[in-house]
Amino acid sequence: MVAPEPLPPPAVGYPLTAARSRPFILIPCVATNNQAPRGRPQRAGAGQGVFLQQAEIGIIGGSGLYSMPGLTGIHEERVTTPFGDPSDAFILGDLEGRCVAFLARHGRGHRLLPSELNFRANIYALKKLGVTRILSVSAVGSLKEEHKPGDFLIPDQFIDRTFLRVSTFFGEGVVGHVAFGDPVCSTVAGVIVAACATEGVTAKPSGTYVCMEGPQFSTRAESNLYRSWGADVIGMTNLQEAKLAREAEICYATAAMVTDYDCWRQGHDDVTVEQIVAVLHQNAANACRVVKSAVAAMPAERTCACASALQHAILTSPDAIPQATREKLDLLVGKYLDPR
């Protein structure tokens, strides 16, 4: 099992502005208050302020992405949510003609353990920014000989081994159950696979990701157990993102970058942070190229079922939902509880 990726300091040109929260946020790559924003405007949650769509594609990741070539019109913004603070400020800008929002999963300087991540705030904030698709990039350990350090794998299944995390927006008087048999968006996953091919990066188009709690790495017994299940890679972060993205009706897929063989492989020394960091830096350039290519190739329209994941998921009668909960979740479920 690998540790989450460390984050380098921002490259020159990324402004480190003071934290700020305000009801109107205007980014150079989108419209002003008097113009129609690109795409369909999102509804602000009650008490969360009025906003326009500022990004259509979210990028969650770390090492290498701060210096991603081609990102222009850069602006940093902190986003407030009813679930608390996201991991860090968002870096918004234009990449390949598309408005993107980048979030450092563990915060700049790598301050947050996997178990400390506020997954709900991260995904809610991306929804609030207007994001409809998320490209995730993260480090993983390999559970199979054929997945070598430096390879990418695009998981299409997950196994949950976490126990300290909140993985749903529901509760507090409202019950919802989204379909999760296919936990990633096939459209986004396919675009990432194609981008890897375009950029000459070895990538496996499917596989099972074990999401463990951490922060400790696996024991040898655990690693061999996961291998006996047929799992492909192991990480500490992506499953909660996928679950919450589905509830937020955001398309989600991840590029899992293999850094090591965990601790199962005979003749392979126990994984260390130093080894992982070395491979991460080697993978950084590949990650930048793949993300840039994927953003450029992303279809403009969504035809998948992700956009309507909540249509039949809410079981609670609307008149039984507490007003405070309705307001808290208006951004996510308001169109179903109070169609406009």
Protein backbone atom coordinates (compact mmCIF):
# COMPACT_ATOMS: atom_id res chain seq x y z
CA MET A 1 0.00 0.00 0.00
CA VAL A 2 1.28 3.45 -0.78
CA ALA A 3 1.02 6.74 0.99
CA PRO A 4 -0.85 9.59 -0.69
CA GLU A 5 1.29 11.70 -2.98
CA PRO A 6 3.26 14.61 -1.55
CA LEU A 7 2.65 17.97 -3.16
CA PRO A 8 5.39 20.28 -4.38
CA PRO A 9 5.14 24.01 -3.84
CA PRO A 10 3.14 25.84 -6.50
CA ALA A 11 5.04 26.89 -9.59
CA VAL A 12 5.70 30.52 -10.36
CA GLY A 13 2.56 32.10 -11.71
CA TYR A 14 0.09 30.48 -9.32
CA PRO A 15 -1.03 33.30 -7.03
CA LEU A 16 -1.13 32.48 -3.34
CA THR A 17 -3.84 34.92 -2.39
CA ALA A 18 -5.24 35.30 1.07
CA ALA A 19 -8.17 33.06 1.91
CA ARG A 20 -11.46 34.63 1.01
CA SER A 21 -15.07 33.66 0.68
CA ARG A 22 -17.64 35.74 -1.13
CA PRO A 23 -21.03 35.21 -2.72
CA PHE A 24 -19.97 36.19 -6.24
CA ILE A 25 -16.85 34.56 -7.71
CA LEU A 26 -15.77 35.54 -11.21
CA ILE A 27 -13.06 33.70 -13.10
CA PRO A 28 -11.47 34.97 -16.35
CA CYS A 29 -12.43 31.85 -18.34
CA VAL A 30 -16.16 32.22 -17.68
CA ALA A 31 -18.85 34.82 -18.14
CA THR A 32 -19.46 37.87 -16.04
CA ASN A 33 -22.63 38.47 -14.03
CA ASN A 34 -24.36 39.93 -17.08
CA GLN A 35 -23.46 37.12 -19.44
CA ALA A 36 -24.63 33.54 -19.75
CA PRO A 37 -21.98 31.20 -18.32
CA ARG A 38 -20.64 28.31 -20.36
CA GLY A 39 -22.95 25.37 -19.78
CA ARG A 40 -25.96 25.25 -17.48
CA PRO A 41 -25.69 27.38 -14.32
CA GLN A 42 -25.82 25.43 -11.09
CA ARG A 43 -28.19 26.28 -8.26
CA ALA A 44 -26.64 27.63 -5.09
CA GLY A 45 -27.52 25.92 -1.85
CA ALA A 46 -29.48 28.04 0.59
CA GLY A 47 -27.13 30.29 2.51
CA GLN A 48 -24.24 29.39 0.22
CA GLY A 49 -24.41 32.49 -1.95
CA VAL A 50 -25.19 33.15 -5.60
CA PHE A 51 -22.65 31.85 -8.06
CA LEU A 52 -22.08 31.16 -11.72
CA GLN A 53 -20.60 28.08 -13.31
CA GLN A 54 -16.84 28.59 -13.25
CA ALA A 55 -15.48 25.18 -14.16
CA GLU A 56 -16.74 22.15 -16.04
CA ILE A 57 -13.94 19.70 -15.26
CA GLY A 58 -12.46 19.09 -11.83
CA ILE A 59 -9.00 17.65 -11.29
CA ILE A 60 -8.14 16.08 -7.94
CA GLY A 61 -4.53 15.19 -7.51
CA GLY A 62 -1.13 16.21 -6.38
CA SER A 63 2.43 15.78 -7.52
CA GLY A 64 3.24 17.53 -10.79
CA LEU A 65 -0.12 19.12 -11.46
CA TYR A 66 0.76 22.58 -10.13
CA SER A 67 3.14 23.06 -13.00
CA MET A 68 0.87 21.53 -15.62
CA PRO A 69 1.76 23.06 -18.98
CA GLY A 70 -0.94 25.03 -20.73
CA LEU A 71 -2.99 26.16 -17.72
CA THR A 72 -3.80 29.84 -18.23
CA GLY A 73 -5.96 32.53 -16.67
CA ILE A 74 -5.11 31.14 -13.25
CA HIS A 75 -7.07 32.24 -10.21
CA GLU A 76 -7.14 30.86 -6.68
CA GLU A 77 -10.39 30.64 -4.75
CA ARG A 78 -11.54 29.22 -1.44
CA VAL A 79 -15.03 27.74 -1.48
CA THR A 80 -17.30 27.47 1.54
CA THR A 81 -19.54 24.44 2.02
CA PRO A 82 -22.10 23.34 4.64
CA PHE A 83 -19.82 20.36 5.30
CA GLY A 84 -16.78 22.40 6.30
CA ASP A 85 -13.62 23.37 4.46
CA PRO A 86 -12.20 21.55 1.43
CA SER A 87 -8.61 20.35 1.50
CA ASP A 88 -7.27 23.63 0.11
CA ALA A 89 -8.09 26.53 -2.14
CA PHE A 90 -9.02 25.65 -5.72
CA ILE A 91 -6.83 26.65 -8.63
CA LEU A 92 -9.09 27.65 -11.51
CA GLY A 93 -8.00 28.29 -15.04
CA ASP A 94 -8.27 27.37 -18.70
CA LEU A 95 -6.73 24.17 -20.05
CA GLU A 96 -7.07 23.18 -23.69
CA GLY A 97 -10.00 25.57 -24.02
CA ARG A 98 -11.87 24.06 -21.05
CA CYS A 99 -12.49 25.63 -17.66
CA VAL A 100 -10.97 23.46 -14.97
CA ALA A 101 -10.73 23.50 -11.18
CA PHE A 102 -7.75 21.81 -9.54
CA LEU A 103 -7.73 20.67 -5.91
CA ALA A 104 -4.71 19.38 -4.02
CA ARG A 105 -6.28 16.38 -2.30
CA HIS A 106 -4.03 16.48 0.78
CA GLY A 107 -3.49 20.25 0.76
CA ARG A 108 -0.34 22.03 -0.30
CA GLY A 109 2.57 20.81 1.77
CA HIS A 110 0.77 17.45 2.21
CA ARG A 111 -0.88 18.32 5.52
CA LEU A 112 -3.84 15.93 5.63
CA LEU A 113 -3.91 12.20 6.30
CA PRO A 114 -6.27 10.14 4.13
CA SER A 115 -8.56 9.69 7.15
CA GLU A 116 -8.55 13.45 7.75
CA LEU A 117 -9.73 14.40 4.27
CA ASN A 118 -13.08 16.17 4.18
CA PHE A 119 -14.33 14.27 1.15
CA ARG A 120 -17.83 15.75 1.39
CA ALA A 121 -16.53 19.31 1.37
CA ASN A 122 -14.21 18.57 -1.57
CA ILE A 123 -16.94 17.10 -3.78
CA TYR A 124 -19.61 19.59 -2.71
CA ALA A 125 -17.27 22.49 -3.51
CA LEU A 126 -16.58 21.09 -6.98
CA LYS A 127 -20.34 20.80 -7.53
CA LYS A 128 -20.75 24.37 -6.36
CA LEU A 129 -18.14 25.49 -8.90
CA GLY A 130 -20.22 23.89 -11.63
CA VAL A 131 -18.02 20.84 -12.22
CA THR A 132 -19.77 17.98 -14.02
CA ARG A 133 -16.77 15.67 -14.48
CA ILE A 134 -13.87 14.81 -12.18
CA LEU A 135 -10.49 13.44 -13.24
CA SER A 136 -8.68 12.02 -10.23
CA VAL A 137 -4.96 11.25 -10.15
CA SER A 138 -3.47 9.32 -7.26
CA ALA A 139 -0.69 6.96 -6.23
CA VAL A 140 -1.36 3.27 -5.62
CA GLY A 141 0.47 0.09 -4.77
CA SER A 142 0.37 -2.86 -7.17
CA LEU A 143 -1.14 -6.18 -6.10
CA LYS A 144 -0.22 -7.98 -9.32
CA GLU A 145 3.11 -8.60 -11.01
CA GLU A 146 1.89 -7.21 -14.33
CA HIS A 147 1.13 -3.77 -12.86
CA LYS A 148 4.60 -2.29 -12.72
CA PRO A 149 5.78 0.93 -11.05
CA GLY A 150 5.22 3.70 -13.56
CA ASP A 151 2.15 2.05 -15.09
CA PHE A 152 -1.28 3.64 -14.85
CA LEU A 153 -4.44 1.69 -14.10
CA ILE A 154 -7.96 3.05 -14.53
CA PRO A 155 -10.06 1.20 -11.91
CA ASP A 156 -13.63 0.24 -12.69
CA GLN A 157 -14.33 -1.47 -9.34
CA PHE A 158 -13.58 -0.82 -5.67
CA ILE A 159 -13.39 -2.76 -2.42
CA ASP A 160 -13.97 -0.71 0.73
CA ARG A 161 -11.65 -1.41 3.68
CA THR A 162 -12.12 1.95 5.38
CA PHE A 163 -13.88 2.47 8.70
CA LEU A 164 -13.33 6.07 9.88
CA ARG A 165 -14.96 8.00 7.04
CA VAL A 166 -18.26 9.60 6.11
CA SER A 167 -19.07 8.53 2.56
CA THR A 168 -22.50 10.07 1.96
CA PHE A 169 -24.24 13.42 1.86
CA PHE A 170 -27.43 11.82 3.15
CA GLY A 171 -28.64 11.55 6.74
CA GLU A 172 -30.09 14.10 9.15
CA GLY A 173 -33.62 13.30 8.06
CA VAL A 174 -33.19 12.32 4.42
CA VAL A 175 -32.43 8.83 3.09
CA GLY A 176 -30.94 8.22 -0.34
CA HIS A 177 -29.48 5.13 -2.02
CA VAL A 178 -27.66 5.62 -5.32
CA ALA A 179 -26.81 2.78 -7.68
CA PHE A 180 -23.12 1.98 -7.40
CA GLY A 181 -22.68 -1.33 -9.21
CA ASP A 182 -20.54 0.48 -11.78
CA PRO A 183 -18.75 2.98 -9.54
CA VAL A 184 -16.94 5.07 -12.15
CA CYS A 185 -18.15 6.89 -15.24
CA SER A 186 -17.31 4.80 -18.29
CA THR A 187 -17.10 7.90 -20.47
CA VAL A 188 -14.49 9.62 -18.30
CA ALA A 189 -12.60 6.37 -17.75
CA GLY A 190 -12.51 5.76 -21.50
CA VAL A 191 -11.18 9.26 -22.14
CA ILE A 192 -8.37 8.69 -19.60
CA VAL A 193 -7.46 5.34 -21.19
CA ALA A 194 -7.34 6.96 -24.63
CA ALA A 195 -5.26 9.85 -23.28
CA CYS A 196 -2.71 7.40 -21.86
CA ALA A 197 -2.44 5.77 -25.29
CA THR A 198 -2.06 9.14 -26.96
CA GLU A 199 0.74 10.12 -24.58
CA GLY A 200 2.53 6.78 -24.72
CA VAL A 201 1.83 5.91 -21.08
CA THR A 202 1.33 2.23 -20.27
CA ALA A 203 -2.19 1.92 -18.87
CA LYS A 204 -4.53 -0.90 -17.90
CA PRO A 205 -8.14 -0.03 -18.86
CA SER A 206 -9.79 -1.72 -15.86
CA GLY A 207 -9.14 -3.28 -12.48
CA THR A 208 -10.17 -3.42 -8.84
CA TYR A 209 -8.92 -0.80 -6.36
CA VAL A 210 -8.80 -1.71 -2.66
CA CYS A 211 -9.35 1.41 -0.57
CA MET A 212 -7.78 0.95 2.86
CA GLU A 213 -7.91 3.24 5.87
CA GLY A 214 -4.19 3.84 6.45
CA PRO A 215 -2.08 5.74 7.19
CA GLN A 216 0.00 2.63 7.86
CA PHE A 217 0.86 0.45 4.91
CA SER A 218 -0.54 -3.08 4.62
CA THR A 219 0.73 -6.04 6.57
CA ARG A 220 1.95 -8.88 4.42
CA ALA A 221 -1.07 -10.93 5.44
CA GLU A 222 -3.44 -8.16 4.34
CA SER A 223 -1.62 -7.66 1.06
CA ASN A 224 -1.83 -11.38 0.26
CA LEU A 225 -5.51 -11.45 1.26
CA TYR A 226 -6.31 -8.69 -1.23
CA ARG A 227 -4.34 -10.55 -3.89
CA SER A 228 -6.39 -13.68 -3.21
CA TRP A 229 -9.51 -11.61 -3.94
CA GLY A 230 -8.14 -10.76 -7.36
CA ALA A 231 -7.68 -7.07 -6.58
CA ASP A 232 -5.27 -5.09 -8.75
CA VAL A 233 -4.12 -2.02 -6.81
CA ILE A 234 -4.41 -0.55 -3.34
CA GLY A 235 -4.79 3.08 -2.24
CA MET A 236 -6.26 5.23 0.51
CA THR A 237 -8.49 7.87 -1.08
CA ASN A 238 -10.46 7.21 -4.25
CA LEU A 239 -13.50 5.26 -3.10
CA GLN A 240 -15.03 8.04 -1.00
CA GLU A 241 -14.54 10.46 -3.88
CA ALA A 242 -16.32 8.07 -6.24
CA LYS A 243 -19.24 7.51 -3.85
CA LEU A 244 -19.80 11.19 -3.18
CA ALA A 245 -19.35 12.16 -6.82
CA ARG A 246 -22.11 9.71 -7.72
CA GLU A 247 -24.41 11.27 -5.09
CA ALA A 248 -23.54 14.70 -6.45
CA GLU A 249 -24.34 13.50 -10.00
CA ILE A 250 -20.77 14.22 -11.13
CA CYS A 251 -18.98 11.88 -13.51
CA TYR A 252 -15.85 10.44 -11.86
CA ALA A 253 -12.90 8.28 -12.84
CA THR A 254 -9.32 8.01 -11.67
CA ALA A 255 -5.88 7.47 -13.11
CA ALA A 256 -4.13 5.31 -10.52
CA MET A 257 -0.35 5.59 -10.83
CA VAL A 258 1.52 2.53 -9.63
CA THR A 259 4.49 3.38 -7.42
CA ASP A 260 5.43 0.04 -5.81
CA TYR A 261 4.50 -3.60 -5.23
CA ASP A 262 3.15 -3.06 -1.71
CA CYS A 263 4.78 -5.68 0.55
CA TRP A 264 3.62 -8.99 -0.97
CA ARG A 265 6.24 -9.49 -3.66
CA GLN A 266 9.16 -11.72 -2.70
CA GLY A 267 12.46 -10.02 -3.28
CA HIS A 268 10.74 -6.62 -3.16
CA ASP A 269 11.79 -4.64 -0.12
CA ASP A 270 9.09 -3.32 2.16
CA VAL A 271 7.69 -0.14 0.69
CA THR A 272 9.02 3.13 2.08
CA VAL A 273 7.88 6.70 1.64
CA GLU A 274 11.22 7.56 0.02
CA GLN A 275 10.73 4.93 -2.69
CA ILE A 276 7.20 6.10 -3.34
CA VAL A 277 8.20 9.75 -3.61
CA ALA A 278 10.95 8.89 -6.10
CA VAL A 279 8.51 7.11 -8.40
CA LEU A 280 5.91 9.82 -7.95
CA HIS A 281 8.29 12.42 -9.27
CA GLN A 282 9.07 10.17 -12.25
CA ASN A 283 5.33 9.84 -12.92
CA ALA A 284 4.58 13.56 -12.59
CA ALA A 285 5.34 14.45 -16.20
CA ASN A 286 3.20 11.56 -17.45
CA ALA A 287 0.32 12.64 -15.22
CA CYS A 288 0.46 16.18 -16.56
CA ARG A 289 0.39 15.01 -20.17
CA VAL A 290 -2.42 12.51 -19.60
CA VAL A 291 -4.61 15.03 -17.77
CA LYS A 292 -4.06 17.66 -20.44
CA SER A 293 -4.90 15.21 -23.22
CA ALA A 294 -7.96 13.92 -21.35
CA VAL A 295 -9.31 17.41 -20.76
CA ALA A 296 -8.91 18.25 -24.44
CA ALA A 297 -10.73 15.09 -25.52
CA MET A 298 -13.58 15.20 -23.00
CA PRO A 299 -16.97 15.24 -24.79
CA ALA A 300 -18.88 18.49 -24.38
CA GLU A 301 -22.18 16.77 -23.62
CA ARG A 302 -22.94 14.10 -21.05
CA THR A 303 -24.89 11.07 -22.24
CA CYS A 304 -24.19 8.79 -19.25
CA ALA A 305 -26.50 8.09 -16.32
CA CYS A 306 -24.31 9.95 -13.80
CA ALA A 307 -26.21 13.20 -14.34
CA SER A 308 -29.45 11.64 -13.07
CA ALA A 309 -28.09 9.35 -10.36
CA LEU A 310 -30.44 10.82 -7.72
CA GLN A 311 -33.59 10.70 -9.82
CA HIS A 312 -34.95 7.60 -8.07
CA ALA A 313 -32.55 7.47 -5.11
CA ILE A 314 -34.33 9.58 -2.48
CA LEU A 315 -36.73 7.51 -0.39
CA THR A 316 -37.79 10.13 2.15
CA SER A 317 -41.04 11.95 1.54
CA PRO A 318 -40.20 15.59 0.75
CA ASP A 319 -42.56 16.90 3.43
CA ALA A 320 -40.78 14.76 6.05
CA ILE A 321 -37.33 16.24 5.38
CA PRO A 322 -36.27 18.83 8.00
CA GLN A 323 -35.97 22.32 6.59
CA ALA A 324 -32.35 22.63 7.70
CA THR A 325 -31.47 19.47 5.80
CA ARG A 326 -33.34 20.63 2.71
CA GLU A 327 -31.36 23.86 2.73
CA LYS A 328 -28.07 22.03 3.33
CA LEU A 329 -28.62 19.69 0.40
CA ASP A 330 -30.46 22.03 -1.95
CA LEU A 331 -27.51 22.20 -4.34
CA LEU A 332 -27.61 18.41 -4.70
CA VAL A 333 -31.26 17.41 -4.38
CA GLY A 334 -33.26 20.62 -4.75
CA LYS A 335 -34.26 19.90 -8.34
CA TYR A 336 -35.94 16.69 -7.19
CA LEU A 337 -37.55 18.00 -4.01
CA ASP A 338 -38.63 21.34 -5.45
CA PRO A 339 -38.53 21.24 -9.27
CA ARG A 340 -38.10 24.65 -10.87
